[in-house]
């Protein structure tokens, strides 16, 4: 679900209306609360939540440089 939101954030209002209602509502909220000039791409290697999906164990988290 998050990936859909990330892919849709830059869409205009009309195109966001064509995605699932939950995704469209999330995107509208993001667009309302922030400016596109503030948006930046975050590589997956810099996202702590992605460490778990790559097999990182909880006790090894403090050793990771993010």
Protein backbone atom coordinates (compact mmCIF):
# COMPACT_ATOMS: atom_id res chain seq x y z
CA UNK A 1 0.00 0.00 0.00
CA UNK A 2 2.75 2.49 0.91
CA UNK A 3 4.42 2.04 -2.45
CA UNK A 4 1.16 3.02 -4.17
CA UNK A 5 1.03 6.20 -2.12
CA UNK A 6 4.66 6.99 -2.89
CA UNK A 7 4.07 6.47 -6.61
CA UNK A 8 0.96 8.64 -6.58
CA UNK A 9 2.06 11.62 -4.51
CA UNK A 10 3.10 13.65 -7.55
CA UNK A 11 -0.16 12.97 -9.40
CA UNK A 12 -2.68 15.70 -9.96
CA UNK A 13 -6.10 15.62 -8.31
CA UNK A 14 -7.88 14.11 -11.31
CA UNK A 15 -5.44 11.20 -11.65
CA UNK A 16 -5.47 10.51 -7.91
CA UNK A 17 -9.24 10.09 -8.09
CA UNK A 18 -8.70 7.00 -10.26
CA UNK A 19 -6.71 5.06 -7.65
CA UNK A 20 -8.15 3.20 -4.67
CA UNK A 21 -10.05 5.58 -2.34
CA UNK A 22 -7.68 4.99 0.58
CA UNK A 23 -4.63 5.76 -1.56
CA UNK A 24 -6.24 8.83 -3.10
CA UNK A 25 -7.21 10.18 0.32
CA UNK A 26 -3.70 9.65 1.67
CA UNK A 27 -2.23 11.44 -1.35
CA UNK A 28 -4.61 14.38 -0.97
CA UNK A 29 -3.57 14.67 2.67
CA UNK A 30 0.13 14.62 1.79
CA UNK A 31 -0.38 17.21 -0.95
CA UNK A 32 -2.36 19.46 1.41
CA UNK A 33 0.22 19.32 4.20
CA UNK A 34 3.39 19.69 2.14
CA UNK A 35 4.85 21.34 -0.91
CA UNK A 36 6.34 19.32 -3.80
CA UNK A 37 9.52 21.38 -3.42
CA UNK A 38 10.01 19.64 -0.05
CA UNK A 39 9.72 16.11 -1.46
CA UNK A 40 12.89 14.04 -1.82
CA UNK A 41 13.55 10.50 -2.97
CA UNK A 42 14.79 8.27 -0.15
CA UNK A 43 16.75 5.25 -1.35
CA UNK A 44 15.65 2.03 0.33
CA UNK A 45 19.10 1.64 1.93
CA UNK A 46 18.37 4.81 3.95
CA UNK A 47 14.95 3.77 5.27
CA UNK A 48 15.18 2.02 8.66
CA UNK A 49 11.84 0.22 8.20
CA UNK A 50 13.26 -1.53 5.13
CA UNK A 51 16.06 -3.14 7.15
CA UNK A 52 13.65 -5.70 8.59
CA UNK A 53 12.33 -6.62 5.14
CA UNK A 54 15.94 -7.22 4.09
CA UNK A 55 16.47 -9.68 6.95
CA UNK A 56 18.06 -7.47 9.60
CA UNK A 57 17.60 -8.82 13.11
CA UNK A 58 16.47 -6.55 15.94
CA UNK A 59 19.64 -6.98 17.99
CA UNK A 60 21.80 -5.87 15.01
CA UNK A 61 19.91 -2.61 14.34
CA UNK A 62 22.15 -0.40 16.52
CA UNK A 63 25.18 -1.43 14.44
CA UNK A 64 23.70 -0.14 11.16
CA UNK A 65 24.79 3.21 9.74
CA UNK A 66 21.82 4.96 8.19
